[in-house]
């Protein structure tokens, strides 16, 4: 496949200015996560590897939800070996959390003065509406496993053209004042911040709890978390040092490692 000149230039920038060792770009793909997972049985692959697509036709979110994607969205997956940073498998759930922080850090520079926050465990919100989703998956065919970090960021895909049910709950950078924002520039910012965050997690894993408090969209708000087993309501107190969501309820402080969360106030 012959690549457009601007994509060739973008790939050169990504491979020379970030931790990524190899970039694959697609004008259209089913799911960048599915493609990244399919690469994990290759023994000679260079990591980290970036799979970047202009459009996904079968993008996936958490719990099997579809990810709405239109022209102008930034969709990619990063295939990494967590052992490179000395991260043990029990620490891997924190990678979703630091990815959210990295993206929030990056986006806040593209929309200065706007409210950018992270919703546990894997969404980024801009002015109280979802601007980014994250899906982290281990590679099942490898032992020890690698991780695939899938990201969808609404950059130039204005939500004036989104399905009606999404217009009140989601937004894009271009809808919040980020004019002439190029996807590759956002991607460079995100990867730079992600490298800093993964290095910090490896060096001082206990620092995540404090860093998270500064970005948490749910903290000190009344929330409802729904799991297959039950529904819990209370006031969010942030996360603990294991990355679990803390909710103060009438029964006391509860810890949650999974679930769907809704802010109630």
Protein backbone atom coordinates (compact mmCIF):
# COMPACT_ATOMS: atom_id res chain seq x y z
CA UNK A 1 0.00 0.00 0.00
CA UNK A 2 1.39 3.38 -1.03
CA UNK A 3 1.21 5.83 1.85
CA UNK A 4 0.22 9.50 1.47
CA UNK A 5 3.15 11.91 1.94
CA UNK A 6 1.64 13.44 5.09
CA UNK A 7 1.31 9.99 6.66
CA UNK A 8 4.91 9.12 5.79
CA UNK A 9 6.01 12.34 7.49
CA UNK A 10 3.83 11.59 10.52
CA UNK A 11 5.27 8.08 10.87
CA UNK A 12 8.82 9.42 10.73
CA UNK A 13 7.99 11.91 13.48
CA UNK A 14 6.35 9.26 15.65
CA UNK A 15 9.22 6.79 15.29
CA UNK A 16 11.90 9.42 15.92
CA UNK A 17 10.25 11.49 18.67
CA UNK A 18 8.44 8.90 20.81
CA UNK A 19 9.05 5.52 22.45
CA UNK A 20 7.32 3.76 19.51
CA UNK A 21 9.67 1.55 17.48
CA UNK A 22 7.32 0.78 14.60
CA UNK A 23 4.12 2.34 13.24
CA UNK A 24 1.48 0.75 11.04
CA UNK A 25 -1.14 3.04 9.52
CA UNK A 26 -4.44 2.08 7.89
CA UNK A 27 -6.95 4.34 6.12
CA UNK A 28 -9.63 1.95 7.46
CA UNK A 29 -9.60 -1.12 9.68
CA UNK A 30 -12.08 -3.16 11.67
CA UNK A 31 -10.44 -2.72 15.08
CA UNK A 32 -6.90 -1.59 15.86
CA UNK A 33 -7.07 -3.63 19.09
CA UNK A 34 -8.01 -6.80 17.22
CA UNK A 35 -5.17 -6.26 14.76
CA UNK A 36 -2.67 -5.61 17.58
CA UNK A 37 -3.81 -8.77 19.38
CA UNK A 38 -3.21 -10.75 16.18
CA UNK A 39 0.44 -9.62 16.14
CA UNK A 40 1.26 -11.04 19.55
CA UNK A 41 2.26 -14.50 18.30
CA UNK A 42 5.15 -13.01 16.31
CA UNK A 43 8.48 -13.53 18.04
CA UNK A 44 10.49 -10.93 16.13
CA UNK A 45 8.15 -7.96 16.47
CA UNK A 46 9.60 -4.64 17.64
CA UNK A 47 7.89 -3.06 20.63
CA UNK A 48 6.31 -0.71 21.43
CA UNK A 49 4.28 -0.93 18.23
CA UNK A 50 1.63 1.55 17.18
CA UNK A 51 -1.36 0.62 15.03
CA UNK A 52 -3.05 3.81 13.84
CA UNK A 53 -6.15 4.09 11.67
CA UNK A 54 -8.05 6.97 10.12
CA UNK A 55 -11.27 5.03 10.66
CA UNK A 56 -12.39 1.93 12.54
CA UNK A 57 -15.47 0.07 11.37
CA UNK A 58 -15.65 -2.29 14.38
CA UNK A 59 -14.01 -0.36 17.18
CA UNK A 60 -14.69 -1.79 20.63
CA UNK A 61 -15.13 -0.20 24.01
CA UNK A 62 -15.42 -1.67 27.48
CA UNK A 63 -17.98 -4.45 28.08
CA UNK A 64 -18.33 -5.00 24.34
CA UNK A 65 -19.72 -1.53 23.62
CA UNK A 66 -19.17 -0.17 20.12
CA UNK A 67 -17.04 2.96 19.70
CA UNK A 68 -18.61 5.58 17.43
CA UNK A 69 -15.99 6.82 15.00
CA UNK A 70 -16.21 9.33 12.17
CA UNK A 71 -13.75 11.13 9.94
CA UNK A 72 -11.44 13.26 12.07
CA UNK A 73 -11.29 10.93 15.08
CA UNK A 74 -7.93 9.69 16.35
CA UNK A 75 -8.01 5.90 16.83
CA UNK A 76 -4.99 3.76 17.64
CA UNK A 77 -3.65 0.87 19.67
CA UNK A 78 -0.29 0.59 21.40
CA UNK A 79 1.20 -2.89 21.78
CA UNK A 80 3.66 -3.01 24.70
CA UNK A 81 5.52 -5.46 26.92
CA UNK A 82 4.93 -4.29 30.53
CA UNK A 83 7.98 -6.25 31.65
CA UNK A 84 10.12 -3.67 29.89
CA UNK A 85 9.27 -1.36 32.82
CA UNK A 86 9.38 -4.12 35.43
CA UNK A 87 5.59 -4.12 35.89
CA UNK A 88 4.15 -7.28 37.41
CA UNK A 89 0.80 -8.65 36.17
CA UNK A 90 -0.99 -7.46 39.31
CA UNK A 91 0.06 -3.91 38.39
CA UNK A 92 -1.28 -4.05 34.85
CA UNK A 93 -4.77 -2.71 35.68
CA UNK A 94 -3.05 0.53 36.65
CA UNK A 95 -1.90 0.93 33.03
CA UNK A 96 -5.45 1.95 32.05
CA UNK A 97 -5.41 4.55 34.82
CA UNK A 98 -2.07 6.08 33.83
CA UNK A 99 -3.17 6.06 30.18
CA UNK A 100 -6.16 8.18 31.14
CA UNK A 101 -3.92 10.57 33.05
CA UNK A 102 -1.49 10.81 30.11
CA UNK A 103 -4.31 11.62 27.69
CA UNK A 104 -5.82 14.18 30.06
CA UNK A 105 -2.41 15.84 30.42
CA UNK A 106 -1.99 15.93 26.66
CA UNK A 107 -5.48 17.17 25.82
CA UNK A 108 -5.35 19.93 28.43
CA UNK A 109 -2.54 21.48 26.40
CA UNK A 110 -4.67 21.52 23.25
CA UNK A 111 -7.67 23.11 24.98
CA UNK A 112 -6.12 25.39 27.63
CA UNK A 113 -8.54 26.69 30.21
CA UNK A 114 -11.05 23.89 29.60
CA UNK A 115 -11.97 21.24 32.18
CA UNK A 116 -10.26 17.93 31.35
CA UNK A 117 -10.74 15.05 33.79
CA UNK A 118 -10.48 11.26 33.94
CA UNK A 119 -13.46 9.04 34.72
CA UNK A 120 -12.50 5.79 36.40
CA UNK A 121 -11.41 3.47 35.01
CA UNK A 122 -10.88 4.36 31.38
CA UNK A 123 -12.61 7.48 30.00
CA UNK A 124 -11.47 11.06 29.60
CA UNK A 125 -14.00 13.88 29.90
CA UNK A 126 -13.82 17.38 28.46
CA UNK A 127 -16.23 19.92 29.93
CA UNK A 128 -18.23 17.07 31.51
CA UNK A 129 -18.64 15.13 28.26
CA UNK A 130 -16.74 12.10 27.04
CA UNK A 131 -13.93 12.88 24.64
CA UNK A 132 -11.89 9.68 24.87
CA UNK A 133 -12.30 5.98 25.60
CA UNK A 134 -9.60 3.47 26.50
CA UNK A 135 -9.65 -0.33 26.23
CA UNK A 136 -6.69 -2.28 27.63
CA UNK A 137 -6.42 -6.00 26.85
CA UNK A 138 -3.74 -8.62 27.55
CA UNK A 139 -2.60 -10.85 24.69
CA UNK A 140 -3.97 -14.31 25.55
CA UNK A 141 -1.64 -16.25 23.27
CA UNK A 142 1.58 -15.17 25.01
CA UNK A 143 3.03 -16.19 28.35
CA UNK A 144 4.03 -13.82 29.80
CA UNK A 145 1.47 -11.61 28.10
CA UNK A 146 1.86 -8.27 26.40
CA UNK A 147 -0.71 -5.49 26.66
CA UNK A 148 -2.75 -3.81 23.95
CA UNK A 149 -3.88 -0.29 24.84
CA UNK A 150 -6.64 0.87 22.52
CA UNK A 151 -7.55 4.56 22.42
CA UNK A 152 -10.21 6.57 20.64
CA UNK A 153 -10.03 10.37 20.92
CA UNK A 154 -12.58 12.71 19.38
CA UNK A 155 -10.39 15.34 17.70
CA UNK A 156 -11.93 16.74 14.52
CA UNK A 157 -15.03 14.54 14.32
CA UNK A 158 -17.55 17.14 15.40
CA UNK A 159 -20.49 15.77 17.35
CA UNK A 160 -22.92 17.90 15.38
CA UNK A 161 -22.99 14.86 13.06
CA UNK A 162 -23.11 12.20 15.81
CA UNK A 163 -26.15 10.04 16.59
CA UNK A 164 -28.68 12.07 18.65
CA UNK A 165 -28.18 9.97 21.78
CA UNK A 166 -24.48 10.86 21.85
CA UNK A 167 -24.71 14.62 21.39
CA UNK A 168 -25.51 15.31 25.05
CA UNK A 169 -22.90 12.96 26.47
CA UNK A 170 -19.86 13.25 24.20
CA UNK A 171 -17.78 15.94 22.55
CA UNK A 172 -14.71 16.50 20.38
CA UNK A 173 -11.74 18.83 20.66
CA UNK A 174 -12.97 20.81 17.66
CA UNK A 175 -16.31 21.38 19.41
CA UNK A 176 -14.54 22.83 22.46
CA UNK A 177 -12.36 25.43 20.80
CA UNK A 178 -9.38 23.43 19.50
CA UNK A 179 -9.16 24.74 15.96
CA UNK A 180 -6.74 23.36 13.36
CA UNK A 181 -5.79 20.56 15.75
CA UNK A 182 -4.03 17.77 13.84
CA UNK A 183 -4.40 14.16 14.90
CA UNK A 184 -0.67 13.47 14.67
CA UNK A 185 0.10 16.37 17.00
CA UNK A 186 -2.37 15.02 19.57
CA UNK A 187 -0.87 11.55 19.14
CA UNK A 188 2.66 12.86 19.70
CA UNK A 189 1.52 14.64 22.87
CA UNK A 190 -0.26 11.54 24.18
CA UNK A 191 2.68 9.21 23.56
CA UNK A 192 5.10 11.64 25.21
CA UNK A 193 2.91 11.88 28.29
CA UNK A 194 2.29 8.13 28.34
CA UNK A 195 6.01 7.41 28.41
CA UNK A 196 6.42 9.76 31.38
CA UNK A 197 3.50 8.17 33.22
CA UNK A 198 4.60 4.56 32.67
CA UNK A 199 8.10 5.41 33.88
CA UNK A 200 6.67 7.07 36.97
CA UNK A 201 4.40 4.10 37.66
CA UNK A 202 7.37 1.75 37.44
CA UNK A 203 9.59 3.91 39.64
CA UNK A 204 7.06 5.02 42.26
CA UNK A 205 3.84 2.98 41.98
CA UNK A 206 2.43 4.53 45.16
CA UNK A 207 2.38 7.98 43.53
CA UNK A 208 -0.53 7.02 41.26
CA UNK A 209 -3.10 7.52 44.00
CA UNK A 210 -2.07 11.16 44.57
CA UNK A 211 -1.76 11.95 40.86
CA UNK A 212 -5.18 10.45 40.16
CA UNK A 213 -6.89 12.69 42.72
CA UNK A 214 -5.89 15.74 40.68
CA UNK A 215 -7.62 14.42 37.54
CA UNK A 216 -10.56 12.42 38.94
CA UNK A 217 -13.94 13.46 37.45
CA UNK A 218 -15.87 11.47 40.07
CA UNK A 219 -14.11 12.49 43.28
CA UNK A 220 -16.36 14.11 45.90
CA UNK A 221 -19.42 13.51 43.75
CA UNK A 222 -22.30 11.15 44.40
CA UNK A 223 -21.98 8.12 42.12
CA UNK A 224 -23.67 4.84 41.29
CA UNK A 225 -21.57 1.82 40.33
CA UNK A 226 -23.25 -1.16 38.71
CA UNK A 227 -21.73 -4.64 38.53
CA UNK A 228 -23.14 -8.04 37.66
CA UNK A 229 -23.59 -8.67 41.40
CA UNK A 230 -25.07 -5.43 42.75
CA UNK A 231 -25.53 -1.67 42.60
CA UNK A 232 -23.75 0.68 45.03
CA UNK A 233 -24.40 4.38 45.61
CA UNK A 234 -22.36 6.82 47.63
CA UNK A 235 -19.73 9.56 47.46
CA UNK A 236 -16.56 8.90 45.50
CA UNK A 237 -13.35 9.26 47.51
CA UNK A 238 -10.93 8.66 44.62
CA UNK A 239 -8.89 5.45 44.32
CA UNK A 240 -6.71 3.41 46.64
CA UNK A 241 -3.11 2.39 46.01
CA UNK A 242 -4.30 -0.67 44.06
CA UNK A 243 -6.40 1.46 41.68
CA UNK A 244 -9.76 0.44 43.16
CA UNK A 245 -12.54 3.04 43.21
CA UNK A 246 -13.42 4.14 46.74
CA UNK A 247 -17.06 4.90 47.54
CA UNK A 248 -18.28 6.07 50.93
CA UNK A 249 -21.70 4.52 51.56
CA UNK A 250 -24.09 4.23 54.48
CA UNK A 251 -22.39 0.89 55.22
CA UNK A 252 -18.92 2.43 55.19
CA UNK A 253 -16.11 2.66 52.65
CA UNK A 254 -16.35 0.19 49.77
CA UNK A 255 -13.73 -0.72 47.15
CA UNK A 256 -14.57 -1.55 43.56
CA UNK A 257 -12.22 -3.08 41.00
CA UNK A 258 -14.71 -3.19 38.11
CA UNK A 259 -18.10 -1.85 37.15
CA UNK A 260 -19.97 0.82 35.22
CA UNK A 261 -20.01 4.18 37.03
CA UNK A 262 -22.45 7.06 36.66
CA UNK A 263 -22.10 10.44 38.32
CA UNK A 264 -25.37 11.46 39.97
CA UNK A 265 -24.75 15.15 40.76
